């Protein structure tokens, strides 16, 4: 999704806390929070599981199955009519491999690619992150709520670490000039929301 030159040049923004605090809002640890759209990105639409050059056929099949299991409870409301259609939607999920904990084994950062997988009209799509283990792909982030709703447009991999994992910021597109920023840190085996900001 392209942004105007104005939006790119000046989106390093005043970032204000969702609670209405001033732009130099404090993080829970007492430090100031800064975010720049220049460091954020979305996963390219063509970088899907089925087209990935970074995954072998067994990994593609396992990951497709894992994502299918996450979408399956919402098949009816999302008008997915068969298991074959479900797997096709799951295989079309966008993926990037990123080593978030520095152990040399990249995590799978996945972003849905279809309204039937939970993407909204504004371009916000569910994000999932999986850690590869000997028992399969362990889910360590799911941005959806109990109704299968919730996503973002952009992701930023921060330089800071919490419990050995890189901190993340997800930006959900609200309007042409507004984003909701969700700060995620790793705690007790999962990425969890620790702060929320409005960016204008």
C-alpha atoms as a PDB file:
ATOM      1  CA  UNK A   1       0.000   0.000   0.000  1.00  0.00           C
ATOM      2  CA  UNK A   2       1.569   3.292  -1.093  1.00  0.00           C
ATOM      3  CA  UNK A   3       1.532   6.429   1.016  1.00  0.00           C
ATOM      4  CA  UNK A   4       1.832  10.001  -0.150  1.00  0.00           C
ATOM      5  CA  UNK A   5       5.274  11.612  -0.057  1.00  0.00           C
ATOM      6  CA  UNK A   6       3.922  13.983   2.581  1.00  0.00           C
ATOM      7  CA  UNK A   7       2.795  11.045   4.694  1.00  0.00           C
ATOM      8  CA  UNK A   8       6.162   9.314   4.461  1.00  0.00           C
ATOM      9  CA  UNK A   9       8.208  12.463   5.037  1.00  0.00           C
ATOM     10  CA  UNK A  10       6.285  13.680   8.058  1.00  0.00           C
ATOM     11  CA  UNK A  11       4.952  10.517   9.669  1.00  0.00           C
ATOM     12  CA  UNK A  12       7.737  10.453  12.244  1.00  0.00           C
ATOM     13  CA  UNK A  13       4.946  12.209  13.980  1.00  0.00           C
ATOM     14  CA  UNK A  14       3.735  13.381  17.214  1.00  0.00           C
ATOM     15  CA  UNK A  15       2.853  10.166  18.990  1.00  0.00           C
ATOM     16  CA  UNK A  16       0.295  10.623  21.733  1.00  0.00           C
ATOM     17  CA  UNK A  17      -0.812   8.126  24.320  1.00  0.00           C
ATOM     18  CA  UNK A  18      -4.290   6.741  23.791  1.00  0.00           C
ATOM     19  CA  UNK A  19      -5.128   8.048  27.245  1.00  0.00           C
ATOM     20  CA  UNK A  20      -4.661  11.601  25.999  1.00  0.00           C
ATOM     21  CA  UNK A  21      -1.205  12.246  27.428  1.00  0.00           C
ATOM     22  CA  UNK A  22       1.208  14.527  25.637  1.00  0.00           C
ATOM     23  CA  UNK A  23       3.226  13.305  22.608  1.00  0.00           C
ATOM     24  CA  UNK A  24       6.285  12.460  24.724  1.00  0.00           C
ATOM     25  CA  UNK A  25       4.319   9.736  26.476  1.00  0.00           C
ATOM     26  CA  UNK A  26       6.067   7.485  28.944  1.00  0.00           C
ATOM     27  CA  UNK A  27       6.361   3.742  28.496  1.00  0.00           C
ATOM     28  CA  UNK A  28       5.566   1.495  31.482  1.00  0.00           C
ATOM     29  CA  UNK A  29       9.311   1.318  32.250  1.00  0.00           C
ATOM     30  CA  UNK A  30       9.477   5.124  32.502  1.00  0.00           C
ATOM     31  CA  UNK A  31      11.230   5.742  29.179  1.00  0.00           C
ATOM     32  CA  UNK A  32       9.824   7.859  26.364  1.00  0.00           C
ATOM     33  CA  UNK A  33       8.156   6.097  23.442  1.00  0.00           C
ATOM     34  CA  UNK A  34       9.108   7.048  19.891  1.00  0.00           C
ATOM     35  CA  UNK A  35       7.901   5.449  16.677  1.00  0.00           C
ATOM     36  CA  UNK A  36       8.725   6.155  13.041  1.00  0.00           C
ATOM     37  CA  UNK A  37       6.837   4.843  10.046  1.00  0.00           C
ATOM     38  CA  UNK A  38      10.185   4.660   8.237  1.00  0.00           C
ATOM     39  CA  UNK A  39      11.062   1.593  10.332  1.00  0.00           C
ATOM     40  CA  UNK A  40       7.665  -0.059   9.878  1.00  0.00           C
ATOM     41  CA  UNK A  41       6.590  -2.326   7.032  1.00  0.00           C
ATOM     42  CA  UNK A  42       3.851  -4.678   5.958  1.00  0.00           C
ATOM     43  CA  UNK A  43       4.579  -8.153   4.683  1.00  0.00           C
ATOM     44  CA  UNK A  44       4.415  -8.084   0.881  1.00  0.00           C
ATOM     45  CA  UNK A  45       1.246  -9.626  -0.532  1.00  0.00           C
ATOM     46  CA  UNK A  46       3.172 -11.988  -2.802  1.00  0.00           C
ATOM     47  CA  UNK A  47       5.313 -13.427   0.038  1.00  0.00           C
ATOM     48  CA  UNK A  48       2.899 -16.230   0.870  1.00  0.00           C
ATOM     49  CA  UNK A  49       3.472 -19.619   2.431  1.00  0.00           C
ATOM     50  CA  UNK A  50       2.836 -21.369  -0.875  1.00  0.00           C
ATOM     51  CA  UNK A  51       5.330 -19.157  -2.743  1.00  0.00           C
ATOM     52  CA  UNK A  52       7.986 -18.965  -0.029  1.00  0.00           C
ATOM     53  CA  UNK A  53      11.545 -19.800  -1.018  1.00  0.00           C
ATOM     54  CA  UNK A  54      12.544 -19.958   2.670  1.00  0.00           C
ATOM     55  CA  UNK A  55      10.302 -22.892   3.605  1.00  0.00           C
ATOM     56  CA  UNK A  56      10.533 -26.481   2.395  1.00  0.00           C
ATOM     57  CA  UNK A  57       7.439 -28.458   1.435  1.00  0.00           C
ATOM     58  CA  UNK A  58       7.084 -30.082   4.866  1.00  0.00           C
ATOM     59  CA  UNK A  59       7.339 -26.697   6.607  1.00  0.00           C
ATOM     60  CA  UNK A  60       4.791 -25.184   4.214  1.00  0.00           C
ATOM     61  CA  UNK A  61       2.369 -28.022   4.891  1.00  0.00           C
ATOM     62  CA  UNK A  62       2.820 -27.817   8.674  1.00  0.00           C
ATOM     63  CA  UNK A  63       2.434 -24.039   8.746  1.00  0.00           C
ATOM     64  CA  UNK A  64      -0.617 -24.155   6.471  1.00  0.00           C
ATOM     65  CA  UNK A  65      -2.179 -26.700   8.813  1.00  0.00           C
ATOM     66  CA  UNK A  66      -1.372 -24.595  11.858  1.00  0.00           C
ATOM     67  CA  UNK A  67      -2.963 -21.466  10.399  1.00  0.00           C
ATOM     68  CA  UNK A  68      -5.941 -23.479   9.133  1.00  0.00           C
ATOM     69  CA  UNK A  69      -6.584 -24.559  12.719  1.00  0.00           C
ATOM     70  CA  UNK A  70      -6.672 -20.905  13.820  1.00  0.00           C
ATOM     71  CA  UNK A  71      -9.106 -19.846  11.092  1.00  0.00           C
ATOM     72  CA  UNK A  72     -11.328 -22.972  11.279  1.00  0.00           C
ATOM     73  CA  UNK A  73     -13.505 -21.824  14.226  1.00  0.00           C
ATOM     74  CA  UNK A  74     -14.657 -18.856  12.115  1.00  0.00           C
ATOM     75  CA  UNK A  75     -15.326 -20.717   8.844  1.00  0.00           C
ATOM     76  CA  UNK A  76     -19.092 -20.252   8.958  1.00  0.00           C
ATOM     77  CA  UNK A  77     -19.160 -16.487   9.604  1.00  0.00           C
ATOM     78  CA  UNK A  78     -16.377 -15.962   7.047  1.00  0.00           C
ATOM     79  CA  UNK A  79     -18.227 -18.035   4.443  1.00  0.00           C
ATOM     80  CA  UNK A  80     -15.475 -20.610   3.993  1.00  0.00           C
ATOM     81  CA  UNK A  81     -17.331 -23.569   2.550  1.00  0.00           C
ATOM     82  CA  UNK A  82     -14.847 -26.448   2.701  1.00  0.00           C
ATOM     83  CA  UNK A  83     -11.613 -27.699   4.218  1.00  0.00           C
ATOM     84  CA  UNK A  84      -9.973 -27.393   0.800  1.00  0.00           C
ATOM     85  CA  UNK A  85     -10.947 -23.717   0.619  1.00  0.00           C
ATOM     86  CA  UNK A  86      -9.729 -23.216   4.186  1.00  0.00           C
ATOM     87  CA  UNK A  87      -6.289 -24.664   3.377  1.00  0.00           C
ATOM     88  CA  UNK A  88      -6.059 -22.527   0.237  1.00  0.00           C
ATOM     89  CA  UNK A  89      -6.745 -19.379   2.286  1.00  0.00           C
ATOM     90  CA  UNK A  90      -4.220 -20.460   4.934  1.00  0.00           C
ATOM     91  CA  UNK A  91      -1.551 -21.212   2.290  1.00  0.00           C
ATOM     92  CA  UNK A  92      -2.060 -17.685   0.964  1.00  0.00           C
ATOM     93  CA  UNK A  93      -0.972 -16.185   4.318  1.00  0.00           C
ATOM     94  CA  UNK A  94       1.966 -13.791   4.005  1.00  0.00           C
ATOM     95  CA  UNK A  95       5.127 -14.781   5.864  1.00  0.00           C
ATOM     96  CA  UNK A  96       8.547 -13.466   6.807  1.00  0.00           C
ATOM     97  CA  UNK A  97      11.238 -15.334   8.693  1.00  0.00           C
ATOM     98  CA  UNK A  98      12.816 -13.260  11.485  1.00  0.00           C
ATOM     99  CA  UNK A  99      15.051 -14.417  14.306  1.00  0.00           C
ATOM    100  CA  UNK A 100      13.380 -12.561  17.160  1.00  0.00           C
ATOM    101  CA  UNK A 101      15.215 -14.269  20.023  1.00  0.00           C
ATOM    102  CA  UNK A 102      18.704 -14.563  18.531  1.00  0.00           C
ATOM    103  CA  UNK A 103      18.901 -18.356  18.764  1.00  0.00           C
ATOM    104  CA  UNK A 104      19.684 -18.780  15.063  1.00  0.00           C
ATOM    105  CA  UNK A 105      16.271 -20.334  14.295  1.00  0.00           C
ATOM    106  CA  UNK A 106      13.985 -17.727  12.710  1.00  0.00           C
ATOM    107  CA  UNK A 107      10.451 -17.240  13.930  1.00  0.00           C
ATOM    108  CA  UNK A 108       7.608 -17.142  11.399  1.00  0.00           C
ATOM    109  CA  UNK A 109       5.884 -13.756  11.288  1.00  0.00           C
ATOM    110  CA  UNK A 110       2.602 -14.301   9.450  1.00  0.00           C
ATOM    111  CA  UNK A 111      -0.006 -11.809   8.256  1.00  0.00           C
ATOM    112  CA  UNK A 112      -3.364 -12.833   6.818  1.00  0.00           C
ATOM    113  CA  UNK A 113      -4.020 -12.026   3.175  1.00  0.00           C
ATOM    114  CA  UNK A 114      -7.777 -12.442   2.794  1.00  0.00           C
ATOM    115  CA  UNK A 115     -10.967 -11.000   4.297  1.00  0.00           C
ATOM    116  CA  UNK A 116     -12.072 -14.590   4.989  1.00  0.00           C
ATOM    117  CA  UNK A 117      -9.003 -14.935   7.217  1.00  0.00           C
ATOM    118  CA  UNK A 118      -9.966 -11.799   9.147  1.00  0.00           C
ATOM    119  CA  UNK A 119      -8.605  -8.865   7.121  1.00  0.00           C
ATOM    120  CA  UNK A 120     -10.643  -5.683   7.378  1.00  0.00           C
ATOM    121  CA  UNK A 121     -11.558  -3.126   4.733  1.00  0.00           C
ATOM    122  CA  UNK A 122      -8.930  -0.674   6.061  1.00  0.00           C
ATOM    123  CA  UNK A 123      -6.080  -3.094   5.334  1.00  0.00           C
ATOM    124  CA  UNK A 124      -5.660  -4.346   8.894  1.00  0.00           C
ATOM    125  CA  UNK A 125      -5.062  -8.088   8.962  1.00  0.00           C
ATOM    126  CA  UNK A 126      -4.428 -10.595  11.739  1.00  0.00           C
ATOM    127  CA  UNK A 127      -0.796 -11.144  12.677  1.00  0.00           C
ATOM    128  CA  UNK A 128       0.475 -14.445  14.022  1.00  0.00           C
ATOM    129  CA  UNK A 129       3.985 -15.322  15.137  1.00  0.00           C
ATOM    130  CA  UNK A 130       5.167 -18.903  15.454  1.00  0.00           C
ATOM    131  CA  UNK A 131       8.265 -20.310  17.088  1.00  0.00           C
ATOM    132  CA  UNK A 132       9.527 -23.512  15.491  1.00  0.00           C
ATOM    133  CA  UNK A 133       9.984 -26.279  18.056  1.00  0.00           C
ATOM    134  CA  UNK A 134      10.595 -30.014  17.942  1.00  0.00           C
ATOM    135  CA  UNK A 135       6.837 -30.434  18.435  1.00  0.00           C
ATOM    136  CA  UNK A 136       5.816 -28.095  15.633  1.00  0.00           C
ATOM    137  CA  UNK A 137       4.974 -24.418  15.330  1.00  0.00           C
ATOM    138  CA  UNK A 138       4.212 -22.861  18.715  1.00  0.00           C
ATOM    139  CA  UNK A 139       1.962 -19.795  18.566  1.00  0.00           C
ATOM    140  CA  UNK A 140       3.521 -16.859  20.430  1.00  0.00           C
ATOM    141  CA  UNK A 141       1.340 -14.030  19.038  1.00  0.00           C
ATOM    142  CA  UNK A 142      -2.264 -13.881  17.845  1.00  0.00           C
ATOM    143  CA  UNK A 143      -3.668 -10.368  17.414  1.00  0.00           C
ATOM    144  CA  UNK A 144      -7.290 -11.534  17.166  1.00  0.00           C
ATOM    145  CA  UNK A 145      -9.845 -11.448  19.951  1.00  0.00           C
ATOM    146  CA  UNK A 146     -12.216 -14.274  20.888  1.00  0.00           C
ATOM    147  CA  UNK A 147     -14.411 -13.395  17.893  1.00  0.00           C
ATOM    148  CA  UNK A 148     -11.513 -13.735  15.464  1.00  0.00           C
ATOM    149  CA  UNK A 149     -11.256  -9.972  14.944  1.00  0.00           C
ATOM    150  CA  UNK A 150      -8.165  -7.840  15.319  1.00  0.00           C
ATOM    151  CA  UNK A 151      -5.220  -7.012  13.167  1.00  0.00           C
ATOM    152  CA  UNK A 152      -2.805  -4.403  11.964  1.00  0.00           C
ATOM    153  CA  UNK A 153      -1.306  -2.997   8.793  1.00  0.00           C
ATOM    154  CA  UNK A 154       2.356  -2.534   9.712  1.00  0.00           C
ATOM    155  CA  UNK A 155       4.942  -4.140  11.971  1.00  0.00           C
ATOM    156  CA  UNK A 156       8.107  -2.679  13.458  1.00  0.00           C
ATOM    157  CA  UNK A 157      10.828  -4.882  14.907  1.00  0.00           C
ATOM    158  CA  UNK A 158      12.369  -2.818  17.689  1.00  0.00           C
ATOM    159  CA  UNK A 159      16.026  -2.864  18.780  1.00  0.00           C
ATOM    160  CA  UNK A 160      15.055  -3.425  22.410  1.00  0.00           C
ATOM    161  CA  UNK A 161      14.619  -6.844  24.015  1.00  0.00           C
ATOM    162  CA  UNK A 162      12.273  -8.183  26.675  1.00  0.00           C
ATOM    163  CA  UNK A 163      13.017 -11.609  28.115  1.00  0.00           C
ATOM    164  CA  UNK A 164      15.325 -12.316  25.187  1.00  0.00           C
ATOM    165  CA  UNK A 165      12.858 -11.445  22.388  1.00  0.00           C
ATOM    166  CA  UNK A 166      12.788  -8.306  20.255  1.00  0.00           C
ATOM    167  CA  UNK A 167      10.010  -5.889  21.148  1.00  0.00           C
ATOM    168  CA  UNK A 168       7.399  -5.230  18.455  1.00  0.00           C
ATOM    169  CA  UNK A 169       5.080  -2.385  17.484  1.00  0.00           C
ATOM    170  CA  UNK A 170       2.010  -3.078  15.367  1.00  0.00           C
ATOM    171  CA  UNK A 171       0.307  -0.160  13.614  1.00  0.00           C
ATOM    172  CA  UNK A 172      -3.380  -0.475  12.781  1.00  0.00           C
ATOM    173  CA  UNK A 173      -4.640   1.826  10.036  1.00  0.00           C
ATOM    174  CA  UNK A 174      -7.484   4.014  11.318  1.00  0.00           C
ATOM    175  CA  UNK A 175      -7.664   6.744   8.673  1.00  0.00           C
ATOM    176  CA  UNK A 176      -5.498   8.520   6.110  1.00  0.00           C
ATOM    177  CA  UNK A 177      -3.600  10.279   8.903  1.00  0.00           C
ATOM    178  CA  UNK A 178      -4.134   8.128  11.989  1.00  0.00           C
ATOM    179  CA  UNK A 179      -2.733   4.846  13.281  1.00  0.00           C
ATOM    180  CA  UNK A 180      -3.220   2.947  16.512  1.00  0.00           C
ATOM    181  CA  UNK A 181       0.122   1.664  17.796  1.00  0.00           C
ATOM    182  CA  UNK A 182       0.270  -1.482  19.903  1.00  0.00           C
ATOM    183  CA  UNK A 183       3.514  -2.180  21.767  1.00  0.00           C
ATOM    184  CA  UNK A 184       4.145  -5.898  22.304  1.00  0.00           C
ATOM    185  CA  UNK A 185       6.696  -7.490  24.596  1.00  0.00           C
ATOM    186  CA  UNK A 186       7.473 -11.146  25.247  1.00  0.00           C
ATOM    187  CA  UNK A 187       6.381 -12.428  28.638  1.00  0.00           C
ATOM    188  CA  UNK A 188       5.410 -15.882  29.942  1.00  0.00           C
ATOM    189  CA  UNK A 189       5.757 -17.588  26.583  1.00  0.00           C
ATOM    190  CA  UNK A 190       3.769 -15.092  24.479  1.00  0.00           C
ATOM    191  CA  UNK A 191       3.941 -11.618  22.996  1.00  0.00           C
ATOM    192  CA  UNK A 192       1.593  -9.457  25.048  1.00  0.00           C
ATOM    193  CA  UNK A 193       0.291  -5.915  24.660  1.00  0.00           C
ATOM    194  CA  UNK A 194       2.042  -3.558  27.073  1.00  0.00           C
ATOM    195  CA  UNK A 195       1.078  -0.121  25.736  1.00  0.00           C
ATOM    196  CA  UNK A 196      -1.221   1.525  23.207  1.00  0.00           C
ATOM    197  CA  UNK A 197      -0.813   4.894  21.468  1.00  0.00           C
ATOM    198  CA  UNK A 198      -2.553   7.053  18.886  1.00  0.00           C
ATOM    199  CA  UNK A 199      -0.347   8.376  16.062  1.00  0.00           C
ATOM    200  CA  UNK A 200      -1.497  11.415  14.089  1.00  0.00           C
END
